[in-house]
PDB file of N, CA and C in Angstrom:
ATOM      1  N   MET A   1      -2.395 -44.197 -99.049  1.00  0.00           N
ATOM      2  CA  MET A   1      -1.100 -45.443 -98.726  1.00  0.00           C
ATOM      3  C   MET A   1      -1.774 -46.108 -99.486  1.00  0.00           C
ATOM      4  N   LYS A   2      -0.440 -47.388 -99.953  1.00  0.00           N
ATOM      5  CA  LYS A   2       0.032 -48.359-100.864  1.00  0.00           C
ATOM      6  C   LYS A   2       0.330 -49.427 -99.945  1.00  0.00           C
ATOM      7  N   ILE A   3      -0.171 -50.409 -99.701  1.00  0.00           N
ATOM      8  CA  ILE A   3       0.895 -51.546 -98.874  1.00  0.00           C
ATOM      9  C   ILE A   3       1.994 -52.468 -99.824  1.00  0.00           C
ATOM     10  N   GLU A   4       3.019 -52.640 -99.514  1.00  0.00           N
ATOM     11  CA  GLU A   4       3.805 -53.276-100.046  1.00  0.00           C
ATOM     12  C   GLU A   4       4.198 -54.240 -99.343  1.00  0.00           C
ATOM     13  N   HIS A   5       4.060 -54.899 -98.168  1.00  0.00           N
ATOM     14  CA  HIS A   5       4.112 -55.903 -98.187  1.00  0.00           C
ATOM     15  C   HIS A   5       3.298 -56.410 -97.026  1.00  0.00           C
ATOM     16  N   LEU A   6       3.561 -57.450 -96.661  1.00  0.00           N
ATOM     17  CA  LEU A   6       2.077 -58.084 -95.399  1.00  0.00           C
ATOM     18  C   LEU A   6       2.643 -59.738 -95.231  1.00  0.00           C
ATOM     19  N   VAL A   7       3.321 -59.576 -93.767  1.00  0.00           N
ATOM     20  CA  VAL A   7       3.866 -60.487 -93.580  1.00  0.00           C
ATOM     21  C   VAL A   7       3.395 -60.953 -91.870  1.00  0.00           C
ATOM     22  N   SER A   8       3.062 -62.464 -91.485  1.00  0.00           N
ATOM     23  CA  SER A   8       3.049 -63.233 -90.785  1.00  0.00           C
ATOM     24  C   SER A   8       3.845 -63.843 -89.775  1.00  0.00           C
ATOM     25  N   ILE A   9       4.703 -63.629 -88.985  1.00  0.00           N
ATOM     26  CA  ILE A   9       5.403 -63.459 -88.064  1.00  0.00           C
ATOM     27  C   ILE A   9       4.554 -64.564 -86.433  1.00  0.00           C
ATOM     28  N   ASP A  10       4.865 -65.122 -86.760  1.00  0.00           N
ATOM     29  CA  ASP A  10       4.507 -65.592 -85.139  1.00  0.00           C
ATOM     30  C   ASP A  10       3.591 -65.169 -84.216  1.00  0.00           C
ATOM     31  N   GLY A  11       2.210 -65.519 -85.542  1.00  0.00           N
ATOM     32  CA  GLY A  11       1.051 -64.466 -84.923  1.00  0.00           C
ATOM     33  C   GLY A  11       1.258 -63.115 -85.091  1.00  0.00           C
ATOM     34  N   ALA A  12       3.005 -62.518 -85.257  1.00  0.00           N
ATOM     35  CA  ALA A  12       2.620 -60.820 -85.268  1.00  0.00           C
ATOM     36  C   ALA A  12       2.144 -60.167 -87.048  1.00  0.00           C
ATOM     37  N   ILE A  13       2.259 -59.491 -86.878  1.00  0.00           N
ATOM     38  CA  ILE A  13       0.911 -59.111 -88.378  1.00  0.00           C
ATOM     39  C   ILE A  13       2.205 -57.373 -88.674  1.00  0.00           C
ATOM     40  N   LEU A  14       3.140 -57.660 -90.048  1.00  0.00           N
ATOM     41  CA  LEU A  14       4.028 -56.543 -89.894  1.00  0.00           C
ATOM     42  C   LEU A  14       3.342 -56.399 -91.323  1.00  0.00           C
ATOM     43  N   VAL A  15       2.773 -55.378 -91.127  1.00  0.00           N
ATOM     44  CA  VAL A  15       2.889 -53.999 -92.761  1.00  0.00           C
ATOM     45  C   VAL A  15       3.495 -53.483 -93.089  1.00  0.00           C
ATOM     46  N   VAL A  16       3.568 -53.172 -94.239  1.00  0.00           N
ATOM     47  CA  VAL A  16       4.809 -51.933 -95.133  1.00  0.00           C
ATOM     48  C   VAL A  16       4.549 -51.570 -95.635  1.00  0.00           C
ATOM     49  N   TYR A  17       3.957 -49.792 -95.906  1.00  0.00           N
ATOM     50  CA  TYR A  17       3.260 -48.851 -96.631  1.00  0.00           C
ATOM     51  C   TYR A  17       4.299 -47.326 -97.116  1.00  0.00           C
ATOM     52  N   TYR A  18       3.077 -47.739 -98.412  1.00  0.00           N
ATOM     53  CA  TYR A  18       4.337 -46.398 -99.044  1.00  0.00           C
ATOM     54  C   TYR A  18       3.356 -45.167 -98.498  1.00  0.00           C
ATOM     55  N   THR A  19       3.801 -44.053 -98.648  1.00  0.00           N
ATOM     56  CA  THR A  19       3.369 -42.703 -97.198  1.00  0.00           C
ATOM     57  C   THR A  19       3.168 -41.735 -98.296  1.00  0.00           C
ATOM     58  N   SER A  20       2.427 -40.900 -98.575  1.00  0.00           N
ATOM     59  CA  SER A  20       2.321 -39.815 -99.691  1.00  0.00           C
ATOM     60  C   SER A  20       2.934 -39.212 -99.490  1.00  0.00           C
ATOM     61  N   GLY A  21       4.495 -39.012 -98.224  1.00  0.00           N
ATOM     62  CA  GLY A  21       5.339 -38.160 -98.434  1.00  0.00           C
ATOM     63  C   GLY A  21       6.590 -39.127 -99.180  1.00  0.00           C
ATOM     64  N   SER A  22       6.750 -39.689 -99.788  1.00  0.00           N
ATOM     65  CA  SER A  22       7.160 -40.933-101.125  1.00  0.00           C
ATOM     66  C   SER A  22       8.322 -41.230 -99.936  1.00  0.00           C
ATOM     67  N   CYS A  23       8.034 -41.819 -98.846  1.00  0.00           N
ATOM     68  CA  CYS A  23       8.820 -42.635 -98.161  1.00  0.00           C
ATOM     69  C   CYS A  23       7.876 -44.375 -98.049  1.00  0.00           C
ATOM     70  N   TYR A  24       8.440 -44.901 -97.098  1.00  0.00           N
ATOM     71  CA  TYR A  24       7.446 -45.617 -96.381  1.00  0.00           C
ATOM     72  C   TYR A  24       7.795 -46.902 -94.894  1.00  0.00           C
ATOM     73  N   GLN A  25       7.051 -46.861 -94.578  1.00  0.00           N
ATOM     74  CA  GLN A  25       7.212 -46.827 -93.126  1.00  0.00           C
ATOM     75  C   GLN A  25       6.360 -48.046 -93.032  1.00  0.00           C
ATOM     76  N   TYR A  26       6.422 -48.811 -91.304  1.00  0.00           N
ATOM     77  CA  TYR A  26       5.777 -49.847 -91.350  1.00  0.00           C
ATOM     78  C   TYR A  26       5.173 -50.209 -89.764  1.00  0.00           C
ATOM     79  N   GLU A  27       4.069 -50.856 -89.779  1.00  0.00           N
ATOM     80  CA  GLU A  27       3.371 -50.946 -88.604  1.00  0.00           C
ATOM     81  C   GLU A  27       3.424 -53.140 -88.035  1.00  0.00           C
ATOM     82  N   ILE A  28       2.798 -52.878 -86.754  1.00  0.00           N
ATOM     83  CA  ILE A  28       3.313 -54.278 -86.113  1.00  0.00           C
ATOM     84  C   ILE A  28       2.467 -54.611 -85.544  1.00  0.00           C
ATOM     85  N   ALA A  29       0.995 -55.413 -85.967  1.00  0.00           N
ATOM     86  CA  ALA A  29      -0.232 -55.493 -84.486  1.00  0.00           C
ATOM     87  C   ALA A  29       0.089 -57.308 -84.033  1.00  0.00           C
ATOM     88  N   PHE A  30       0.572 -56.903 -82.978  1.00  0.00           N
ATOM     89  CA  PHE A  30       0.598 -58.218 -81.873  1.00  0.00           C
ATOM     90  C   PHE A  30       0.028 -59.384 -82.298  1.00  0.00           C
ATOM     91  N   TRP A  31      -0.363 -60.309 -81.394  1.00  0.00           N
ATOM     92  CA  TRP A  31      -1.193 -61.695 -80.849  1.00  0.00           C
ATOM     93  C   TRP A  31      -1.944 -61.329 -79.832  1.00  0.00           C
ATOM     94  N   ASP A  32      -1.525 -60.376 -78.694  1.00  0.00           N
ATOM     95  CA  ASP A  32      -1.930 -59.598 -77.722  1.00  0.00           C
ATOM     96  C   ASP A  32      -3.480 -58.305 -78.530  1.00  0.00           C
ATOM     97  N   GLY A  33      -3.056 -57.698 -79.586  1.00  0.00           N
ATOM     98  CA  GLY A  33      -3.981 -56.793 -79.760  1.00  0.00           C
ATOM     99  C   GLY A  33      -3.576 -55.441 -79.968  1.00  0.00           C
ATOM    100  N   SER A  34      -2.080 -55.458 -79.151  1.00  0.00           N
ATOM    101  CA  SER A  34      -1.338 -54.050 -79.216  1.00  0.00           C
ATOM    102  C   SER A  34      -0.434 -53.713 -81.026  1.00  0.00           C
ATOM    103  N   ILE A  35      -0.594 -52.452 -80.974  1.00  0.00           N
ATOM    104  CA  ILE A  35      -0.541 -52.377 -82.066  1.00  0.00           C
ATOM    105  C   ILE A  35       1.468 -50.901 -81.626  1.00  0.00           C
ATOM    106  N   TYR A  36       2.571 -51.545 -82.632  1.00  0.00           N
ATOM    107  CA  TYR A  36       3.396 -51.288 -82.409  1.00  0.00           C
ATOM    108  C   TYR A  36       3.409 -50.266 -84.037  1.00  0.00           C
ATOM    109  N   GLN A  37       4.019 -48.951 -83.556  1.00  0.00           N
ATOM    110  CA  GLN A  37       3.722 -48.294 -85.702  1.00  0.00           C
ATOM    111  C   GLN A  37       4.604 -46.814 -85.238  1.00  0.00           C
ATOM    112  N   PRO A  38       5.649 -47.144 -85.017  1.00  0.00           N
ATOM    113  CA  PRO A  38       7.514 -46.221 -85.024  1.00  0.00           C
ATOM    114  C   PRO A  38       6.779 -45.262 -86.311  1.00  0.00           C
ATOM    115  N   THR A  39       7.709 -44.110 -85.880  1.00  0.00           N
ATOM    116  CA  THR A  39       7.635 -42.575 -86.065  1.00  0.00           C
ATOM    117  C   THR A  39       8.845 -41.773 -87.999  1.00  0.00           C
ATOM    118  N   GLU A  40      10.012 -43.668 -87.457  1.00  0.00           N
ATOM    119  CA  GLU A  40      10.588 -43.259 -88.969  1.00  0.00           C
ATOM    120  C   GLU A  40      10.317 -43.467 -89.991  1.00  0.00           C
ATOM    121  N   ILE A  41      10.581 -42.903 -91.045  1.00  0.00           N
ATOM    122  CA  ILE A  41      10.584 -43.241 -92.352  1.00  0.00           C
ATOM    123  C   ILE A  41      11.898 -43.894 -92.866  1.00  0.00           C
ATOM    124  N   TYR A  42      11.654 -44.191 -94.206  1.00  0.00           N
ATOM    125  CA  TYR A  42      12.680 -45.492 -94.809  1.00  0.00           C
ATOM    126  C   TYR A  42      12.110 -45.098 -96.565  1.00  0.00           C
ATOM    127  N   TYR A  43      13.866 -45.097 -97.214  1.00  0.00           N
ATOM    128  CA  TYR A  43      13.001 -45.036 -98.593  1.00  0.00           C
ATOM    129  C   TYR A  43      13.223 -45.695 -99.831  1.00  0.00           C
ATOM    130  N   THR A  44      13.341 -47.094 -98.746  1.00  0.00           N
ATOM    131  CA  THR A  44      13.159 -48.292 -99.707  1.00  0.00           C
ATOM    132  C   THR A  44      11.965 -49.149 -98.661  1.00  0.00           C
ATOM    133  N   ALA A  45      10.970 -49.427 -99.711  1.00  0.00           N
ATOM    134  CA  ALA A  45       9.875 -51.068 -98.955  1.00  0.00           C
ATOM    135  C   ALA A  45      10.846 -52.178 -98.619  1.00  0.00           C
ATOM    136  N   GLU A  46      12.011 -52.157 -99.140  1.00  0.00           N
ATOM    137  CA  GLU A  46      12.304 -53.189 -98.628  1.00  0.00           C
ATOM    138  C   GLU A  46      13.810 -53.204 -97.008  1.00  0.00           C
ATOM    139  N   ALA A  47      13.523 -51.891 -97.126  1.00  0.00           N
ATOM    140  CA  ALA A  47      14.175 -51.341 -95.933  1.00  0.00           C
ATOM    141  C   ALA A  47      13.324 -51.476 -94.889  1.00  0.00           C
ATOM    142  N   ALA A  48      12.389 -50.775 -95.087  1.00  0.00           N
ATOM    143  CA  ALA A  48      10.841 -51.117 -93.854  1.00  0.00           C
ATOM    144  C   ALA A  48      11.022 -51.972 -93.477  1.00  0.00           C
ATOM    145  N   LEU A  49      10.822 -53.645 -94.501  1.00  0.00           N
ATOM    146  CA  LEU A  49      10.680 -54.760 -94.474  1.00  0.00           C
ATOM    147  C   LEU A  49      11.415 -55.345 -93.118  1.00  0.00           C
ATOM    148  N   LYS A  50      12.626 -54.789 -93.536  1.00  0.00           N
ATOM    149  CA  LYS A  50      13.703 -55.285 -92.490  1.00  0.00           C
ATOM    150  C   LYS A  50      14.131 -55.312 -91.123  1.00  0.00           C
ATOM    151  N   VAL A  51      13.971 -53.933 -91.456  1.00  0.00           N
ATOM    152  CA  VAL A  51      13.400 -53.379 -89.633  1.00  0.00           C
ATOM    153  C   VAL A  51      12.553 -53.568 -88.846  1.00  0.00           C
ATOM    154  N   GLY A  52      11.279 -54.505 -89.447  1.00  0.00           N
ATOM    155  CA  GLY A  52      10.457 -54.508 -89.242  1.00  0.00           C
ATOM    156  C   GLY A  52      10.391 -55.930 -88.860  1.00  0.00           C
ATOM    157  N   ILE A  53      10.456 -57.193 -89.677  1.00  0.00           N
ATOM    158  CA  ILE A  53      11.537 -58.253 -89.236  1.00  0.00           C
ATOM    159  C   ILE A  53      11.912 -58.311 -87.810  1.00  0.00           C
ATOM    160  N   GLU A  54      13.032 -57.387 -87.624  1.00  0.00           N
ATOM    161  CA  GLU A  54      14.309 -57.710 -86.401  1.00  0.00           C
ATOM    162  C   GLU A  54      13.634 -56.939 -84.966  1.00  0.00           C
ATOM    163  N   ARG A  55      12.663 -55.934 -85.489  1.00  0.00           N
ATOM    164  CA  ARG A  55      11.465 -55.626 -84.642  1.00  0.00           C
ATOM    165  C   ARG A  55      10.839 -57.454 -84.094  1.00  0.00           C
ATOM    166  N   ILE A  56      10.098 -57.439 -84.826  1.00  0.00           N
ATOM    167  CA  ILE A  56       9.783 -59.099 -83.709  1.00  0.00           C
ATOM    168  C   ILE A  56      10.001 -59.920 -84.045  1.00  0.00           C
ATOM    169  N   LYS A  57      11.301 -60.170 -84.793  1.00  0.00           N
ATOM    170  CA  LYS A  57      12.087 -61.157 -83.440  1.00  0.00           C
ATOM    171  C   LYS A  57      12.565 -60.446 -82.243  1.00  0.00           C
ATOM    172  N   ILE A  58      13.071 -59.795 -81.891  1.00  0.00           N
ATOM    173  CA  ILE A  58      12.752 -59.109 -81.188  1.00  0.00           C
ATOM    174  C   ILE A  58      12.045 -59.273 -80.038  1.00  0.00           C
ATOM    175  N   VAL A  59      11.038 -58.893 -80.221  1.00  0.00           N
ATOM    176  CA  VAL A  59      10.017 -58.754 -78.777  1.00  0.00           C
ATOM    177  C   VAL A  59       9.068 -60.252 -78.985  1.00  0.00           C
ATOM    178  N   ILE A  60       9.450 -61.200 -79.623  1.00  0.00           N
ATOM    179  CA  ILE A  60       9.532 -62.827 -80.264  1.00  0.00           C
ATOM    180  C   ILE A  60       9.953 -63.690 -79.259  1.00  0.00           C
ATOM    181  N   GLY A  61      11.168 -62.956 -78.926  1.00  0.00           N
ATOM    182  CA  GLY A  61      12.868 -63.239 -78.793  1.00  0.00           C
ATOM    183  C   GLY A  61      13.217 -64.846 -79.283  1.00  0.00           C
ATOM    184  N   ARG A  62      12.839 -64.627 -80.719  1.00  0.00           N
ATOM    185  CA  ARG A  62      13.999 -65.513 -81.629  1.00  0.00           C
ATOM    186  C   ARG A  62      15.067 -64.120 -82.695  1.00  0.00           C
ATOM    187  N   GLU A  63      15.325 -63.550 -81.197  1.00  0.00           N
ATOM    188  CA  GLU A  63      16.994 -63.092 -81.277  1.00  0.00           C
ATOM    189  C   GLU A  63      18.393 -63.430 -81.228  1.00  0.00           C
TER     190      GLU A  63
END
């Protein structure tokens, strides 16, 4: 696994990483200790980053 992006937004940490399957995924660690690990794959790190940021915004109510 190679980390492409590591971003903190209002206490949530978003990690975008390159997988062995030649694609990208993301995970989010929230302030309460919960971790969101979707199974979707993305062909670019930027696409995974964009979706991950949107998910955080939805959870924290900034959208």
